[in-house]
Amino acid sequence: MREYSPDLTPQWKRAKAVPEVSADPGLVVEVAATDFCGAVVACEAGTVTLEDRFGKRRAFPLEPRGFLLDGAVVTLTRPTRAGAAPARTASGSVAVPGARARVARAGRIYVEGRHDAELVERVWGDDLRIEGVVVEYLEGIDDLPAIVADFAPAPDARLGVLVDHLVPGSKESRIAASVTSPHVLVVGHPYVDVWQAVKPSALGIPAWPVIPPGRDWKTGICEALGWPPNTGAAWQHILSRVTSYKDLEPTLLGAVEHLIDHVTTPAGA
């Protein structure tokens, strides 16, 4: 005699099994009922707290089928034991272990020189790979209007530009003002060179020396600090002392975060 299952619901109508996933610190999920996406920072009885890339935190109920992991519906469960605090990237964001780099966006971030690019990579490299943002350096911004025109910025291909010495009346400020595309954001810091965006305390010096106008700034810095007259080696020494965002001046931090937000904002937002 043929045996039948007591469940007479057709197979195609049966709900698919949804995997249960432990809400361990650092796990990145999306809330199924909203567009909020973030990393787990806490999980208590009945709720899980997520933090998005901007540092905003929200608590959500641990409802069955309530979350998406890599696009698939899952049910989050409370960890069986308290997990360690989530790891952080050098920029202070929640680290995502094993995360793959996203395919590069059409948008870009341009910086003036190689040292600027290396410093941005040092602190924000993990974040940029997850967001799919490429940073390129220009060897100066004298031709910025032409460079912007050649890039052809658009709503889905935004451009961000980081400029040194962006202060009122400077040559850099006049060049930046000539860029008027709504899809381009030009921001900067007040320092003569990005070297100064590294806090003196990170280098064990009381302050950056003041170099008289007309003298090559980097050469003057090496001389004033008693470093060998090799600006490349001096920069590698400076860069080696930068381990996180805490070693950088707030003006540079705010500028770079603003650029990342600009190029990752969805078209139409």
Protein backbone atom coordinates (compact mmCIF):
# COMPACT_ATOMS: atom_id res chain seq x y z
CA MET A 1 0.00 0.00 0.00
CA ARG A 2 1.30 3.46 -0.93
CA GLU A 3 2.03 5.61 2.13
CA TYR A 4 1.03 9.26 2.19
CA SER A 5 2.33 12.08 4.29
CA PRO A 6 -0.18 13.52 6.75
CA ASP A 7 0.67 16.94 5.25
CA LEU A 8 -1.49 17.16 2.12
CA THR A 9 -0.24 20.65 1.18
CA PRO A 10 1.19 20.55 -2.35
CA GLN A 11 4.98 20.72 -2.41
CA TRP A 12 4.99 23.99 -4.31
CA LYS A 13 2.89 25.64 -1.62
CA ARG A 14 5.02 24.54 1.30
CA ALA A 15 7.18 27.26 2.84
CA LYS A 16 10.85 26.74 2.21
CA ALA A 17 12.99 26.03 5.22
CA VAL A 18 14.73 29.18 6.39
CA PRO A 19 18.19 28.76 7.89
CA GLU A 20 18.89 30.00 11.38
CA VAL A 21 22.00 32.15 11.76
CA SER A 22 23.64 33.13 15.02
CA ALA A 23 23.63 36.93 15.46
CA ASP A 24 27.33 37.11 16.21
CA PRO A 25 29.00 40.54 16.55
CA GLY A 26 30.11 41.88 13.18
CA LEU A 27 27.62 39.88 11.10
CA VAL A 28 26.20 42.17 8.38
CA VAL A 29 22.51 41.69 7.55
CA GLU A 30 19.63 43.63 6.04
CA VAL A 31 16.27 43.96 7.76
CA ALA A 32 13.69 42.34 5.47
CA ALA A 33 10.93 44.83 6.24
CA THR A 34 13.12 47.93 5.68
CA ASP A 35 16.19 48.96 3.72
CA PHE A 36 18.33 49.20 6.87
CA CYS A 37 21.59 47.29 6.58
CA GLY A 38 24.18 47.02 9.30
CA ALA A 39 26.49 44.94 11.43
CA VAL A 40 25.40 43.24 14.63
CA VAL A 41 26.72 45.10 17.66
CA ALA A 42 24.48 43.60 20.36
CA CYS A 43 21.94 40.84 20.74
CA GLU A 44 19.70 40.61 23.77
CA ALA A 45 16.60 38.63 24.59
CA GLY A 46 14.23 39.22 21.70
CA THR A 47 16.14 42.01 19.95
CA VAL A 48 19.25 42.58 17.86
CA THR A 49 20.99 45.94 17.46
CA LEU A 50 22.54 46.81 14.10
CA GLU A 51 24.97 49.61 13.23
CA ASP A 52 25.16 50.93 9.67
CA ARG A 53 28.28 52.35 8.00
CA PHE A 54 27.41 55.85 9.21
CA GLY A 55 27.42 54.74 12.86
CA LYS A 56 23.63 54.86 13.21
CA ARG A 57 22.25 52.11 15.49
CA ARG A 58 18.75 50.61 15.54
CA ALA A 59 17.25 47.70 17.44
CA PHE A 60 15.00 45.16 15.71
CA PRO A 61 12.97 42.20 17.01
CA LEU A 62 14.39 38.73 16.41
CA GLU A 63 11.45 37.69 14.28
CA PRO A 64 11.48 34.51 12.16
CA ARG A 65 12.38 35.21 8.51
CA GLY A 66 13.08 38.79 9.49
CA PHE A 67 16.51 39.36 7.92
CA LEU A 68 18.46 38.97 4.69
CA LEU A 69 21.99 37.60 4.60
CA ASP A 70 23.68 37.95 1.20
CA GLY A 71 20.20 38.41 -0.25
CA ALA A 72 18.73 35.22 1.27
CA VAL A 73 16.05 35.20 3.99
CA VAL A 74 17.31 33.99 7.37
CA THR A 75 16.17 33.85 10.96
CA LEU A 76 18.61 35.38 13.40
CA THR A 77 19.10 33.64 16.72
CA ARG A 78 20.73 34.84 19.88
CA PRO A 79 24.32 33.56 20.20
CA THR A 80 24.73 30.71 22.64
CA ARG A 81 27.46 32.64 24.39
CA ALA A 82 28.45 36.25 24.56
CA GLY A 83 30.63 37.14 21.60
CA ALA A 84 33.60 39.44 21.62
CA ALA A 85 33.16 43.08 20.72
CA PRO A 86 33.06 43.55 16.95
CA ALA A 87 36.39 44.24 15.31
CA ARG A 88 36.90 47.67 13.78
CA THR A 89 38.64 48.82 10.64
CA ALA A 90 41.29 51.53 10.74
CA SER A 91 38.56 54.09 9.96
CA GLY A 92 36.50 52.99 12.98
CA SER A 93 33.84 51.12 10.99
CA VAL A 94 32.67 47.65 12.02
CA ALA A 95 34.93 45.12 10.29
CA VAL A 96 33.29 42.51 8.08
CA PRO A 97 35.41 39.33 8.27
CA GLY A 98 35.74 37.56 4.94
CA ALA A 99 33.89 40.26 3.03
CA ARG A 100 34.61 40.32 -0.70
CA ALA A 101 35.52 43.51 -2.48
CA ARG A 102 32.59 44.96 -4.37
CA VAL A 103 32.79 45.47 -8.12
CA ALA A 104 34.12 48.99 -8.68
CA ARG A 105 31.53 51.73 -8.98
CA ALA A 106 31.47 54.14 -11.88
CA GLY A 107 32.12 56.94 -9.38
CA ARG A 108 35.62 57.80 -8.23
CA ILE A 109 37.53 59.73 -5.61
CA TYR A 110 40.44 61.82 -6.91
CA VAL A 111 43.22 63.05 -4.62
CA GLU A 112 46.11 65.34 -5.45
CA GLY A 113 49.10 63.07 -5.07
CA ARG A 114 50.44 59.66 -4.24
CA HIS A 115 50.93 60.43 -0.57
CA ASP A 116 47.27 61.46 -0.28
CA ALA A 117 46.21 58.20 -1.94
CA GLU A 118 48.40 56.09 0.32
CA LEU A 119 47.08 57.77 3.44
CA VAL A 120 43.45 57.30 2.37
CA GLU A 121 44.16 53.64 1.61
CA ARG A 122 45.88 53.22 4.96
CA VAL A 123 42.84 54.32 6.95
CA TRP A 124 39.82 53.74 4.68
CA GLY A 125 41.05 50.89 2.45
CA ASP A 126 38.77 48.20 3.92
CA ASP A 127 35.72 50.46 3.69
CA LEU A 128 36.49 51.49 0.12
CA ARG A 129 36.79 47.89 -1.08
CA ILE A 130 33.46 46.92 0.47
CA GLU A 131 31.83 50.00 -1.09
CA GLY A 132 33.51 49.47 -4.47
CA VAL A 133 35.12 52.92 -4.49
CA VAL A 134 38.38 53.46 -6.39
CA VAL A 135 40.80 56.23 -5.36
CA GLU A 136 43.11 57.74 -8.00
CA TYR A 137 45.73 60.45 -7.68
CA LEU A 138 46.21 63.34 -10.11
CA GLU A 139 49.71 64.75 -9.47
CA GLY A 140 48.16 68.15 -8.74
CA ILE A 141 44.86 69.86 -9.55
CA ASP A 142 45.89 72.67 -11.90
CA ASP A 143 43.92 71.01 -14.71
CA LEU A 144 40.97 69.98 -12.52
CA PRO A 145 38.19 71.50 -14.70
CA ALA A 146 39.46 69.59 -17.75
CA ILE A 147 39.87 66.42 -15.70
CA VAL A 148 36.28 66.69 -14.46
CA ALA A 149 34.98 67.30 -18.00
CA ASP A 150 36.87 64.25 -19.24
CA PHE A 151 35.41 62.12 -16.43
CA ALA A 152 31.87 63.20 -17.43
CA PRO A 153 30.22 62.94 -13.99
CA ALA A 154 26.58 61.83 -13.85
CA PRO A 155 24.01 60.84 -11.19
CA ASP A 156 25.26 57.23 -11.31
CA ALA A 157 28.92 58.20 -11.75
CA ARG A 158 29.69 60.77 -9.09
CA LEU A 159 33.10 62.25 -8.57
CA GLY A 160 34.69 63.34 -5.31
CA VAL A 161 37.91 65.39 -5.16
CA LEU A 162 40.17 65.87 -2.13
CA VAL A 163 42.25 69.05 -2.29
CA ASP A 164 45.22 70.16 -0.18
CA HIS A 165 45.38 73.71 1.23
CA LEU A 166 41.74 74.48 0.50
CA VAL A 167 41.54 77.82 2.30
CA PRO A 168 39.99 81.17 1.27
CA GLY A 169 42.11 83.05 -1.27
CA SER A 170 44.38 80.13 -2.16
CA LYS A 171 45.03 78.97 -5.70
CA GLU A 172 43.38 75.69 -4.76
CA SER A 173 40.18 77.42 -3.65
CA ARG A 174 39.93 79.28 -6.97
CA ILE A 175 40.37 76.07 -8.94
CA ALA A 176 37.80 74.25 -6.78
CA ALA A 177 35.28 77.07 -7.30
CA SER A 178 35.54 76.60 -11.08
CA VAL A 179 34.02 73.11 -10.80
CA THR A 180 30.24 73.51 -10.85
CA SER A 181 28.82 70.11 -11.75
CA PRO A 182 26.17 68.98 -9.22
CA HIS A 183 27.61 65.48 -9.43
CA VAL A 184 31.07 66.57 -8.27
CA LEU A 185 32.02 67.30 -4.67
CA VAL A 186 35.30 69.11 -4.00
CA VAL A 187 36.40 69.19 -0.37
CA GLY A 188 39.73 69.60 1.29
CA HIS A 189 41.82 70.37 4.32
CA PRO A 190 43.70 73.53 5.31
CA TYR A 191 47.18 72.01 5.40
CA VAL A 192 49.94 72.85 2.93
CA ASP A 193 50.48 69.13 2.42
CA VAL A 194 48.69 65.99 3.55
CA TRP A 195 51.69 65.24 5.80
CA GLN A 196 50.29 67.82 8.22
CA ALA A 197 47.00 65.92 8.45
CA VAL A 198 48.86 63.36 10.57
CA LYS A 199 48.74 64.42 14.20
CA PRO A 200 52.14 65.46 15.61
CA SER A 201 51.49 63.19 18.60
CA ALA A 202 51.52 60.17 16.29
CA LEU A 203 55.08 61.10 15.30
CA GLY A 204 56.25 61.99 18.79
CA ILE A 205 56.80 65.66 17.94
CA PRO A 206 55.20 68.67 19.69
CA ALA A 207 54.04 70.33 16.45
CA TRP A 208 54.73 70.53 12.74
CA PRO A 209 57.50 73.08 12.07
CA VAL A 210 56.59 76.33 10.32
CA ILE A 211 58.37 76.57 6.97
CA PRO A 212 58.91 80.08 5.52
CA PRO A 213 57.14 80.85 2.22
CA GLY A 214 59.29 80.27 -0.85
CA ARG A 215 61.10 77.27 0.63
CA ASP A 216 60.22 73.74 -0.47
CA TRP A 217 57.93 72.66 2.34
CA LYS A 218 58.82 68.97 2.54
CA THR A 219 62.55 69.62 2.34
CA GLY A 220 62.17 72.24 5.06
CA ILE A 221 60.27 69.79 7.27
CA CYS A 222 63.00 67.17 6.96
CA GLU A 223 65.65 69.74 7.83
CA ALA A 224 63.71 71.20 10.77
CA LEU A 225 63.05 67.76 12.28
CA GLY A 226 66.58 66.52 11.70
CA TRP A 227 65.49 63.85 9.23
CA PRO A 228 67.66 62.79 6.27
CA PRO A 229 66.92 64.95 3.18
CA ASN A 230 64.91 62.20 1.52
CA THR A 231 61.23 63.16 1.32
CA GLY A 232 60.21 59.70 0.10
CA ALA A 233 61.76 58.02 3.13
CA ALA A 234 60.32 60.71 5.39
CA TRP A 235 56.84 60.01 4.09
CA GLN A 236 57.19 56.27 4.64
CA HIS A 237 58.20 57.01 8.23
CA ILE A 238 55.16 59.25 8.68
CA LEU A 239 52.82 56.71 7.08
CA SER A 240 54.16 53.89 9.27
CA ARG A 241 53.02 55.79 12.37
CA VAL A 242 49.41 55.95 11.19
CA THR A 243 47.49 52.96 12.51
CA SER A 244 43.92 54.30 12.61
CA TYR A 245 41.73 57.36 12.18
CA LYS A 246 42.81 58.46 15.65
CA ASP A 247 46.20 59.46 14.21
CA LEU A 248 44.64 61.93 11.76
CA GLU A 249 43.30 65.45 12.17
CA PRO A 250 39.48 65.75 12.27
CA THR A 251 39.41 68.03 9.23
CA LEU A 252 40.80 65.30 6.99
CA LEU A 253 38.55 62.65 8.56
CA GLY A 254 35.44 64.68 7.86
CA ALA A 255 36.50 65.48 4.30
CA VAL A 256 37.16 61.85 3.32
CA GLU A 257 33.97 60.56 4.97
CA HIS A 258 32.03 63.25 3.10
CA LEU A 259 33.54 62.11 -0.21
CA ILE A 260 32.73 58.45 0.44
CA ASP A 261 29.13 59.35 1.24
CA HIS A 262 28.92 61.44 -1.92
CA VAL A 263 30.13 58.80 -4.37
CA THR A 264 28.14 55.99 -2.77
CA THR A 265 24.79 57.82 -2.64
CA PRO A 266 22.37 56.05 -5.02
CA ALA A 267 21.27 57.95 -8.12
CA GLY A 268 18.13 59.94 -7.40
CA ALA A 269 18.74 60.05 -3.65
